[in-house]
All heavy atoms as atom14 arrays in JSON, in Angstrom:
{
  "sequence": "LPALAFSGADLLHGPLAMTDPDVPVLAVVGGGAGGAAMRDVVAKV",
  "atom14_mask": [
    [1, 1, 1, 1, 1, 1, 1, 1, 0, 0, 0, 0, 0, 0],
    [1, 1, 1, 1, 1, 1, 1, 0, 0, 0, 0, 0, 0, 0],
    [1, 1, 1, 1, 1, 0, 0, 0, 0, 0, 0, 0, 0, 0],
    [1, 1, 1, 1, 1, 1, 1, 1, 0, 0, 0, 0, 0, 0],
    [1, 1, 1, 1, 1, 0, 0, 0, 0, 0, 0, 0, 0, 0],
    [1, 1, 1, 1, 1, 1, 1, 1, 1, 1, 1, 0, 0, 0],
    [1, 1, 1, 1, 1, 1, 0, 0, 0, 0, 0, 0, 0, 0],
    [1, 1, 1, 1, 0, 0, 0, 0, 0, 0, 0, 0, 0, 0],
    [1, 1, 1, 1, 1, 0, 0, 0, 0, 0, 0, 0, 0, 0],
    [1, 1, 1, 1, 1, 1, 1, 1, 0, 0, 0, 0, 0, 0],
    [1, 1, 1, 1, 1, 1, 1, 1, 0, 0, 0, 0, 0, 0],
    [1, 1, 1, 1, 1, 1, 1, 1, 0, 0, 0, 0, 0, 0],
    [1, 1, 1, 1, 1, 1, 1, 1, 1, 1, 0, 0, 0, 0],
    [1, 1, 1, 1, 0, 0, 0, 0, 0, 0, 0, 0, 0, 0],
    [1, 1, 1, 1, 1, 1, 1, 0, 0, 0, 0, 0, 0, 0],
    [1, 1, 1, 1, 1, 1, 1, 1, 0, 0, 0, 0, 0, 0],
    [1, 1, 1, 1, 1, 0, 0, 0, 0, 0, 0, 0, 0, 0],
    [1, 1, 1, 1, 1, 1, 1, 1, 0, 0, 0, 0, 0, 0],
    [1, 1, 1, 1, 1, 1, 1, 0, 0, 0, 0, 0, 0, 0],
    [1, 1, 1, 1, 1, 1, 1, 1, 0, 0, 0, 0, 0, 0],
    [1, 1, 1, 1, 1, 1, 1, 0, 0, 0, 0, 0, 0, 0],
    [1, 1, 1, 1, 1, 1, 1, 1, 0, 0, 0, 0, 0, 0],
    [1, 1, 1, 1, 1, 1, 1, 0, 0, 0, 0, 0, 0, 0],
    [1, 1, 1, 1, 1, 1, 1, 0, 0, 0, 0, 0, 0, 0],
    [1, 1, 1, 1, 1, 1, 1, 0, 0, 0, 0, 0, 0, 0],
    [1, 1, 1, 1, 1, 1, 1, 1, 0, 0, 0, 0, 0, 0],
    [1, 1, 1, 1, 1, 0, 0, 0, 0, 0, 0, 0, 0, 0],
    [1, 1, 1, 1, 1, 1, 1, 0, 0, 0, 0, 0, 0, 0],
    [1, 1, 1, 1, 1, 1, 1, 0, 0, 0, 0, 0, 0, 0],
    [1, 1, 1, 1, 0, 0, 0, 0, 0, 0, 0, 0, 0, 0],
    [1, 1, 1, 1, 0, 0, 0, 0, 0, 0, 0, 0, 0, 0],
    [1, 1, 1, 1, 0, 0, 0, 0, 0, 0, 0, 0, 0, 0],
    [1, 1, 1, 1, 1, 0, 0, 0, 0, 0, 0, 0, 0, 0],
    [1, 1, 1, 1, 0, 0, 0, 0, 0, 0, 0, 0, 0, 0],
    [1, 1, 1, 1, 0, 0, 0, 0, 0, 0, 0, 0, 0, 0],
    [1, 1, 1, 1, 1, 0, 0, 0, 0, 0, 0, 0, 0, 0],
    [1, 1, 1, 1, 1, 0, 0, 0, 0, 0, 0, 0, 0, 0],
    [1, 1, 1, 1, 1, 1, 1, 1, 0, 0, 0, 0, 0, 0],
    [1, 1, 1, 1, 1, 1, 1, 1, 1, 1, 1, 0, 0, 0],
    [1, 1, 1, 1, 1, 1, 1, 1, 0, 0, 0, 0, 0, 0],
    [1, 1, 1, 1, 1, 1, 1, 0, 0, 0, 0, 0, 0, 0],
    [1, 1, 1, 1, 1, 1, 1, 0, 0, 0, 0, 0, 0, 0],
    [1, 1, 1, 1, 1, 0, 0, 0, 0, 0, 0, 0, 0, 0],
    [1, 1, 1, 1, 1, 1, 1, 1, 1, 0, 0, 0, 0, 0],
    [1, 1, 1, 1, 1, 1, 1, 0, 0, 0, 0, 0, 0, 0]
  ],
  "atom14_positions": [
    [[-98.38, -115.75, -79.25], [-98.36, -115.39, -77.84], [-99.76, -115.61, -77.26], [-100.7, -114.93, -77.67], [-97.95, -113.92, -77.68], [-98.03, -113.32, -76.28], [-97.07, -114.04, -75.33], [-97.72, -111.82, -76.32], [0.0, 0.0, 0.0], [0.0, 0.0, 0.0], [0.0, 0.0, 0.0], [0.0, 0.0, 0.0], [0.0, 0.0, 0.0], [0.0, 0.0, 0.0]],
    [[-99.94, -116.57, -76.36], [-101.26, -116.77, -75.78], [-101.76, -115.48, -75.12], [-101.09, -114.9, -74.27], [-101.02, -117.87, -74.73], [-99.79, -118.59, -75.21], [-98.94, -117.52, -75.84], [0.0, 0.0, 0.0], [0.0, 0.0, 0.0], [0.0, 0.0, 0.0], [0.0, 0.0, 0.0], [0.0, 0.0, 0.0], [0.0, 0.0, 0.0], [0.0, 0.0, 0.0]],
    [[-102.93, -115.03, -75.56], [-103.48, -113.77, -75.05], [-104.95, -113.98, -74.71], [-105.71, -114.49, -75.53], [-103.32, -112.66, -76.08], [0.0, 0.0, 0.0], [0.0, 0.0, 0.0], [0.0, 0.0, 0.0], [0.0, 0.0, 0.0], [0.0, 0.0, 0.0], [0.0, 0.0, 0.0], [0.0, 0.0, 0.0], [0.0, 0.0, 0.0], [0.0, 0.0, 0.0]],
    [[-105.32, -113.59, -73.52], [-106.7, -113.72, -73.04], [-107.34, -112.35, -72.99], [-106.79, -111.43, -72.38], [-106.72, -114.37, -71.66], [-106.16, -115.79, -71.58], [-106.08, -116.23, -70.12], [-107.02, -116.76, -72.37], [0.0, 0.0, 0.0], [0.0, 0.0, 0.0], [0.0, 0.0, 0.0], [0.0, 0.0, 0.0], [0.0, 0.0, 0.0], [0.0, 0.0, 0.0]],
    [[-108.5, -112.21, -73.6], [-109.21, -110.93, -73.63], [-110.41, -110.98, -72.68], [-111.18, -111.94, -72.71], [-109.68, -110.6, -75.04], [0.0, 0.0, 0.0], [0.0, 0.0, 0.0], [0.0, 0.0, 0.0], [0.0, 0.0, 0.0], [0.0, 0.0, 0.0], [0.0, 0.0, 0.0], [0.0, 0.0, 0.0], [0.0, 0.0, 0.0], [0.0, 0.0, 0.0]],
    [[-110.54, -109.94, -71.86], [-111.66, -109.84, -70.94], [-112.23, -108.43, -70.98], [-111.48, -107.46, -71.15], [-111.22, -110.12, -69.49], [-110.65, -111.49, -69.27], [-109.28, -111.69, -69.28], [-111.47, -112.58, -69.05], [-108.74, -112.94, -69.07], [-110.94, -113.84, -68.84], [-109.58, -114.03, -68.85], [0.0, 0.0, 0.0], [0.0, 0.0, 0.0], [0.0, 0.0, 0.0]],
    [[-113.53, -108.32, -70.8], [-114.06, -106.99, -70.52], [-113.51, -106.58, -69.16], [-113.18, -107.43, -68.32], [-115.6, -107.02, -70.48], [-116.07, -107.5, -69.24], [0.0, 0.0, 0.0], [0.0, 0.0, 0.0], [0.0, 0.0, 0.0], [0.0, 0.0, 0.0], [0.0, 0.0, 0.0], [0.0, 0.0, 0.0], [0.0, 0.0, 0.0], [0.0, 0.0, 0.0]],
    [[-113.4, -105.27, -68.95], [-112.87, -104.8, -67.67], [-113.69, -105.32, -66.51], [-113.14, -105.66, -65.45], [0.0, 0.0, 0.0], [0.0, 0.0, 0.0], [0.0, 0.0, 0.0], [0.0, 0.0, 0.0], [0.0, 0.0, 0.0], [0.0, 0.0, 0.0], [0.0, 0.0, 0.0], [0.0, 0.0, 0.0], [0.0, 0.0, 0.0], [0.0, 0.0, 0.0]],
    [[-115.01, -105.41, -66.69], [-115.87, -105.9, -65.61], [-115.6, -107.37, -65.33], [-115.48, -107.79, -64.17], [-117.33, -105.69, -65.99], [0.0, 0.0, 0.0], [0.0, 0.0, 0.0], [0.0, 0.0, 0.0], [0.0, 0.0, 0.0], [0.0, 0.0, 0.0], [0.0, 0.0, 0.0], [0.0, 0.0, 0.0], [0.0, 0.0, 0.0], [0.0, 0.0, 0.0]],
    [[-115.49, -108.17, -66.39], [-115.25, -109.6, -66.2], [-113.87, -109.88, -65.62], [-113.68, -110.86, -64.89], [-115.41, -110.35, -67.52], [-116.86, -110.48, -67.95], [-117.74, -110.46, -67.08], [-117.1, -110.59, -69.17], [0.0, 0.0, 0.0], [0.0, 0.0, 0.0], [0.0, 0.0, 0.0], [0.0, 0.0, 0.0], [0.0, 0.0, 0.0], [0.0, 0.0, 0.0]],
    [[-112.91, -109.03, -65.93], [-111.56, -109.22, -65.4], [-111.57, -109.2, -63.87], [-110.84, -109.95, -63.22], [-110.62, -108.14, -65.93], [-109.15, -108.27, -65.55], [-108.54, -109.54, -66.12], [-108.36, -107.05, -66.03], [0.0, 0.0, 0.0], [0.0, 0.0, 0.0], [0.0, 0.0, 0.0], [0.0, 0.0, 0.0], [0.0, 0.0, 0.0], [0.0, 0.0, 0.0]],
    [[-112.42, -108.35, -63.31], [-112.5, -108.25, -61.85], [-113.22, -109.44, -61.22], [-113.11, -109.66, -60.02], [-113.2, -106.95, -61.46], [-112.53, -105.65, -61.9], [-113.3, -104.45, -61.38], [-111.09, -105.59, -61.44], [0.0, 0.0, 0.0], [0.0, 0.0, 0.0], [0.0, 0.0, 0.0], [0.0, 0.0, 0.0], [0.0, 0.0, 0.0], [0.0, 0.0, 0.0]],
    [[-113.97, -110.19, -62.04], [-114.73, -111.33, -61.51], [-113.92, -112.61, -61.59], [-114.4, -113.63, -62.1], [-116.05, -111.48, -62.28], [-117.09, -110.49, -61.89], [-118.11, -110.75, -60.99], [-117.26, -109.2, -62.25], [-118.86, -109.69, -60.83], [-118.37, -108.72, -61.59], [0.0, 0.0, 0.0], [0.0, 0.0, 0.0], [0.0, 0.0, 0.0], [0.0, 0.0, 0.0]],
    [[-112.69, -112.58, -61.12], [-111.89, -113.79, -61.04], [-110.57, -113.75, -61.77], [-109.51, -114.0, -61.17], [0.0, 0.0, 0.0], [0.0, 0.0, 0.0], [0.0, 0.0, 0.0], [0.0, 0.0, 0.0], [0.0, 0.0, 0.0], [0.0, 0.0, 0.0], [0.0, 0.0, 0.0], [0.0, 0.0, 0.0], [0.0, 0.0, 0.0], [0.0, 0.0, 0.0]],
    [[-110.55, -113.47, -63.1], [-109.28, -113.51, -63.82], [-108.22, -112.55, -63.3], [-107.03, -112.75, -63.57], [-109.68, -113.15, -65.26], [-111.1, -113.57, -65.37], [-111.69, -113.29, -64.02], [0.0, 0.0, 0.0], [0.0, 0.0, 0.0], [0.0, 0.0, 0.0], [0.0, 0.0, 0.0], [0.0, 0.0, 0.0], [0.0, 0.0, 0.0], [0.0, 0.0, 0.0]],
    [[-108.63, -111.51, -62.57], [-107.65, -110.58, -62.0], [-106.6, -111.32, -61.18], [-105.44, -110.89, -61.1], [-108.37, -109.55, -61.12], [-107.48, -108.51, -60.44], [-106.89, -107.55, -61.46], [-108.27, -107.74, -59.37], [0.0, 0.0, 0.0], [0.0, 0.0, 0.0], [0.0, 0.0, 0.0], [0.0, 0.0, 0.0], [0.0, 0.0, 0.0], [0.0, 0.0, 0.0]],
    [[-106.98, -112.46, -60.63], [-106.07, -113.21, -59.76], [-104.82, -113.68, -60.48], [-103.79, -113.91, -59.85], [-106.82, -114.41, -59.16], [0.0, 0.0, 0.0], [0.0, 0.0, 0.0], [0.0, 0.0, 0.0], [0.0, 0.0, 0.0], [0.0, 0.0, 0.0], [0.0, 0.0, 0.0], [0.0, 0.0, 0.0], [0.0, 0.0, 0.0], [0.0, 0.0, 0.0]],
    [[-104.88, -113.85, -61.8], [-103.7, -114.36, -62.52], [-102.75, -113.24, -62.94], [-101.66, -113.52, -63.42], [-104.13, -115.15, -63.75], [-104.69, -114.32, -64.87], [-105.04, -115.33, -66.32], [-105.86, -114.11, -67.36], [0.0, 0.0, 0.0], [0.0, 0.0, 0.0], [0.0, 0.0, 0.0], [0.0, 0.0, 0.0], [0.0, 0.0, 0.0], [0.0, 0.0, 0.0]],
    [[-103.16, -111.99, -62.77], [-102.26, -110.9, -63.16], [-101.21, -110.68, -62.09], [-101.51, -110.66, -60.9], [-103.05, -109.59, -63.4], [-103.71, -109.21, -62.19], [-104.08, -109.77, -64.49], [0.0, 0.0, 0.0], [0.0, 0.0, 0.0], [0.0, 0.0, 0.0], [0.0, 0.0, 0.0], [0.0, 0.0, 0.0], [0.0, 0.0, 0.0], [0.0, 0.0, 0.0]],
    [[-99.97, -110.54, -62.54], [-98.85, -110.31, -61.64], [-97.71, -109.74, -62.47], [-97.88, -109.52, -63.68], [-98.44, -111.61, -60.92], [-98.02, -112.73, -61.86], [-97.42, -112.44, -62.92], [-98.3, -113.9, -61.56], [0.0, 0.0, 0.0], [0.0, 0.0, 0.0], [0.0, 0.0, 0.0], [0.0, 0.0, 0.0], [0.0, 0.0, 0.0], [0.0, 0.0, 0.0]],
    [[-96.55, -109.48, -61.89], [-95.45, -108.87, -62.67], [-95.01, -109.67, -63.89], [-94.37, -109.13, -64.78], [-94.33, -108.74, -61.64], [-95.03, -108.6, -60.33], [-96.23, -109.51, -60.45], [0.0, 0.0, 0.0], [0.0, 0.0, 0.0], [0.0, 0.0, 0.0], [0.0, 0.0, 0.0], [0.0, 0.0, 0.0], [0.0, 0.0, 0.0], [0.0, 0.0, 0.0]],
    [[-95.34, -110.97, -63.94], [-94.93, -111.8, -65.08], [-95.99, -111.88, -66.18], [-95.75, -112.53, -67.21], [-94.6, -113.22, -64.6], [-93.4, -113.24, -63.68], [-92.48, -112.42, -63.92], [-93.39, -114.04, -62.73], [0.0, 0.0, 0.0], [0.0, 0.0, 0.0], [0.0, 0.0, 0.0], [0.0, 0.0, 0.0], [0.0, 0.0, 0.0], [0.0, 0.0, 0.0]],
    [[-97.16, -111.27, -65.97], [-98.24, -111.32, -66.95], [-98.54, -109.91, -67.44], [-99.2, -109.14, -66.75], [-99.51, -111.97, -66.37], [-100.6, -112.03, -67.44], [-99.22, -113.36, -65.84], [0.0, 0.0, 0.0], [0.0, 0.0, 0.0], [0.0, 0.0, 0.0], [0.0, 0.0, 0.0], [0.0, 0.0, 0.0], [0.0, 0.0, 0.0], [0.0, 0.0, 0.0]],
    [[-98.04, -109.52, -68.61], [-98.33, -108.18, -69.12], [-99.83, -108.0, -69.37], [-100.53, -108.93, -69.78], [-97.54, -108.13, -70.43], [-96.56, -109.24, -70.36], [-97.17, -110.29, -69.52], [0.0, 0.0, 0.0], [0.0, 0.0, 0.0], [0.0, 0.0, 0.0], [0.0, 0.0, 0.0], [0.0, 0.0, 0.0], [0.0, 0.0, 0.0], [0.0, 0.0, 0.0]],
    [[-100.3, -106.78, -69.12], [-101.7, -106.43, -69.35], [-101.76, -105.25, -70.31], [-101.12, -104.22, -70.07], [-102.42, -106.08, -68.03], [-103.85, -105.64, -68.31], [-102.41, -107.28, -67.09], [0.0, 0.0, 0.0], [0.0, 0.0, 0.0], [0.0, 0.0, 0.0], [0.0, 0.0, 0.0], [0.0, 0.0, 0.0], [0.0, 0.0, 0.0], [0.0, 0.0, 0.0]],
    [[-102.51, -105.41, -71.38], [-102.74, -104.34, -72.35], [-104.17, -103.86, -72.15], [-105.12, -104.61, -72.4], [-102.54, -104.85, -73.77], [-102.72, -103.83, -74.9], [-101.58, -102.81, -74.9], [-102.78, -104.55, -76.25], [0.0, 0.0, 0.0], [0.0, 0.0, 0.0], [0.0, 0.0, 0.0], [0.0, 0.0, 0.0], [0.0, 0.0, 0.0], [0.0, 0.0, 0.0]],
    [[-104.34, -102.63, -71.67], [-105.66, -102.09, -71.36], [-106.0, -100.95, -72.31], [-105.17, -100.06, -72.54], [-105.72, -101.6, -69.91], [0.0, 0.0, 0.0], [0.0, 0.0, 0.0], [0.0, 0.0, 0.0], [0.0, 0.0, 0.0], [0.0, 0.0, 0.0], [0.0, 0.0, 0.0], [0.0, 0.0, 0.0], [0.0, 0.0, 0.0], [0.0, 0.0, 0.0]],
    [[-107.21, -100.98, -72.85], [-107.69, -99.91, -73.73], [-108.53, -98.97, -72.88], [-109.6, -99.34, -72.4], [-108.51, -100.47, -74.9], [-108.86, -99.36, -75.89], [-107.77, -101.6, -75.61], [0.0, 0.0, 0.0], [0.0, 0.0, 0.0], [0.0, 0.0, 0.0], [0.0, 0.0, 0.0], [0.0, 0.0, 0.0], [0.0, 0.0, 0.0], [0.0, 0.0, 0.0]],
    [[-108.01, -97.77, -72.68], [-108.65, -96.81, -71.77], [-108.79, -95.48, -72.51], [-107.84, -94.71, -72.61], [-107.83, -96.62, -70.48], [-108.6, -95.7, -69.52], [-107.53, -97.95, -69.81], [0.0, 0.0, 0.0], [0.0, 0.0, 0.0], [0.0, 0.0, 0.0], [0.0, 0.0, 0.0], [0.0, 0.0, 0.0], [0.0, 0.0, 0.0], [0.0, 0.0, 0.0]],
    [[-109.97, -95.23, -73.02], [-110.21, -93.99, -73.75], [-111.02, -93.01, -72.93], [-111.06, -93.07, -71.7], [0.0, 0.0, 0.0], [0.0, 0.0, 0.0], [0.0, 0.0, 0.0], [0.0, 0.0, 0.0], [0.0, 0.0, 0.0], [0.0, 0.0, 0.0], [0.0, 0.0, 0.0], [0.0, 0.0, 0.0], [0.0, 0.0, 0.0], [0.0, 0.0, 0.0]],
    [[-111.67, -92.09, -73.62], [-112.53, -91.14, -72.95], [-113.95, -91.68, -72.84], [-114.22, -92.83, -73.17], [0.0, 0.0, 0.0], [0.0, 0.0, 0.0], [0.0, 0.0, 0.0], [0.0, 0.0, 0.0], [0.0, 0.0, 0.0], [0.0, 0.0, 0.0], [0.0, 0.0, 0.0], [0.0, 0.0, 0.0], [0.0, 0.0, 0.0], [0.0, 0.0, 0.0]],
    [[-114.84, -90.85, -72.39], [-116.24, -91.25, -72.3], [-116.52, -92.21, -71.17], [-115.67, -92.49, -70.31], [0.0, 0.0, 0.0], [0.0, 0.0, 0.0], [0.0, 0.0, 0.0], [0.0, 0.0, 0.0], [0.0, 0.0, 0.0], [0.0, 0.0, 0.0], [0.0, 0.0, 0.0], [0.0, 0.0, 0.0], [0.0, 0.0, 0.0], [0.0, 0.0, 0.0]],
    [[-117.73, -92.76, -71.19], [-118.18, -93.63, -70.1], [-117.36, -94.91, -70.01], [-117.07, -95.4, -68.91], [-119.66, -93.96, -70.29], [0.0, 0.0, 0.0], [0.0, 0.0, 0.0], [0.0, 0.0, 0.0], [0.0, 0.0, 0.0], [0.0, 0.0, 0.0], [0.0, 0.0, 0.0], [0.0, 0.0, 0.0], [0.0, 0.0, 0.0], [0.0, 0.0, 0.0]],
    [[-116.99, -95.48, -71.16], [-116.22, -96.72, -71.14], [-114.85, -96.53, -70.51], [-114.4, -97.35, -69.71], [0.0, 0.0, 0.0], [0.0, 0.0, 0.0], [0.0, 0.0, 0.0], [0.0, 0.0, 0.0], [0.0, 0.0, 0.0], [0.0, 0.0, 0.0], [0.0, 0.0, 0.0], [0.0, 0.0, 0.0], [0.0, 0.0, 0.0], [0.0, 0.0, 0.0]],
    [[-114.18, -95.44, -70.87], [-112.87, -95.17, -70.29], [-112.95, -94.9, -68.8], [-112.1, -95.36, -68.02], [0.0, 0.0, 0.0], [0.0, 0.0, 0.0], [0.0, 0.0, 0.0], [0.0, 0.0, 0.0], [0.0, 0.0, 0.0], [0.0, 0.0, 0.0], [0.0, 0.0, 0.0], [0.0, 0.0, 0.0], [0.0, 0.0, 0.0], [0.0, 0.0, 0.0]],
    [[-114.0, -94.16, -68.4], [-114.18, -93.89, -66.96], [-114.39, -95.19, -66.19], [-113.87, -95.35, -65.08], [-115.35, -92.95, -66.77], [0.0, 0.0, 0.0], [0.0, 0.0, 0.0], [0.0, 0.0, 0.0], [0.0, 0.0, 0.0], [0.0, 0.0, 0.0], [0.0, 0.0, 0.0], [0.0, 0.0, 0.0], [0.0, 0.0, 0.0], [0.0, 0.0, 0.0]],
    [[-115.13, -96.13, -66.8], [-115.39, -97.4, -66.13], [-114.14, -98.25, -66.01], [-114.08, -99.16, -65.17], [-116.47, -98.17, -66.89], [0.0, 0.0, 0.0], [0.0, 0.0, 0.0], [0.0, 0.0, 0.0], [0.0, 0.0, 0.0], [0.0, 0.0, 0.0], [0.0, 0.0, 0.0], [0.0, 0.0, 0.0], [0.0, 0.0, 0.0], [0.0, 0.0, 0.0]],
    [[-113.12, -97.98, -66.83], [-111.89, -98.76, -66.79], [-110.91, -98.26, -65.73], [-109.95, -98.96, -65.41], [-111.2, -98.71, -68.15], [-111.75, -99.69, -69.16], [-111.5, -101.42, -68.69], [-109.7, -101.55, -68.72], [0.0, 0.0, 0.0], [0.0, 0.0, 0.0], [0.0, 0.0, 0.0], [0.0, 0.0, 0.0], [0.0, 0.0, 0.0], [0.0, 0.0, 0.0]],
    [[-111.12, -97.07, -65.2], [-110.13, -96.51, -64.27], [-109.94, -97.39, -63.04], [-108.81, -97.63, -62.59], [-110.56, -95.09, -63.85], [-110.63, -94.1, -65.01], [-109.26, -93.68, -65.47], [-109.3, -92.96, -66.75], [-108.32, -92.21, -67.2], [-107.22, -92.04, -66.48], [-108.42, -91.61, -68.38], [0.0, 0.0, 0.0], [0.0, 0.0, 0.0], [0.0, 0.0, 0.0]],
    [[-111.03, -97.87, -62.48], [-110.94, -98.72, -61.29], [-110.27, -100.05, -61.64], [-109.49, -100.6, -60.86], [-112.32, -98.97, -60.7], [-112.28, -99.77, -59.41], [-111.53, -99.36, -58.49], [-112.97, -100.8, -59.32], [0.0, 0.0, 0.0], [0.0, 0.0, 0.0], [0.0, 0.0, 0.0], [0.0, 0.0, 0.0], [0.0, 0.0, 0.0], [0.0, 0.0, 0.0]],
    [[-110.56, -100.57, -62.83], [-109.94, -101.82, -63.27], [-108.43, -101.66, -63.37], [-107.67, -102.5, -62.87], [-110.52, -102.24, -64.64], [-109.85, -103.51, -65.14], [-112.03, -102.42, -64.57], [0.0, 0.0, 0.0], [0.0, 0.0, 0.0], [0.0, 0.0, 0.0], [0.0, 0.0, 0.0], [0.0, 0.0, 0.0], [0.0, 0.0, 0.0], [0.0, 0.0, 0.0]],
    [[-108.0, -100.58, -64.02], [-106.57, -100.34, -64.19], [-105.89, -100.18, -62.84], [-104.77, -100.68, -62.62], [-106.35, -99.09, -65.08], [-104.9, -98.67, -65.05], [-106.8, -99.38, -66.51], [0.0, 0.0, 0.0], [0.0, 0.0, 0.0], [0.0, 0.0, 0.0], [0.0, 0.0, 0.0], [0.0, 0.0, 0.0], [0.0, 0.0, 0.0], [0.0, 0.0, 0.0]],
    [[-106.54, -99.5, -61.91], [-105.96, -99.3, -60.58], [-105.74, -100.64, -59.88], [-104.69, -100.86, -59.26], [-106.87, -98.41, -59.74], [0.0, 0.0, 0.0], [0.0, 0.0, 0.0], [0.0, 0.0, 0.0], [0.0, 0.0, 0.0], [0.0, 0.0, 0.0], [0.0, 0.0, 0.0], [0.0, 0.0, 0.0], [0.0, 0.0, 0.0], [0.0, 0.0, 0.0]],
    [[-106.69, -101.55, -60.0], [-106.57, -102.85, -59.35], [-105.49, -103.7, -60.01], [-104.76, -104.45, -59.34], [-107.92, -103.57, -59.35], [-108.92, -103.0, -58.35], [-110.21, -103.77, -58.34], [-111.08, -103.4, -57.13], [-111.33, -101.98, -57.0], [0.0, 0.0, 0.0], [0.0, 0.0, 0.0], [0.0, 0.0, 0.0], [0.0, 0.0, 0.0], [0.0, 0.0, 0.0]],
    [[-105.37, -103.6, -61.34], [-104.31, -104.33, -62.04], [-102.94, -103.78, -61.61], [-101.99, -104.54, -61.36], [-104.49, -104.2, -63.57], [-103.26, -104.73, -64.3], [-105.74, -104.95, -64.02], [0.0, 0.0, 0.0], [0.0, 0.0, 0.0], [0.0, 0.0, 0.0], [0.0, 0.0, 0.0], [0.0, 0.0, 0.0], [0.0, 0.0, 0.0], [0.0, 0.0, 0.0]]
  ]
}
């Protein structure tokens, strides 16, 4: 299965445009500073 990995920050710098109902997104969102930084990314996805 072709799978593209991006940091949450890089995803917002362009690749976000390819996400839509036909492109599943698997997001790793934990606690701490990294998880907090992902909240905005997940909201936009």
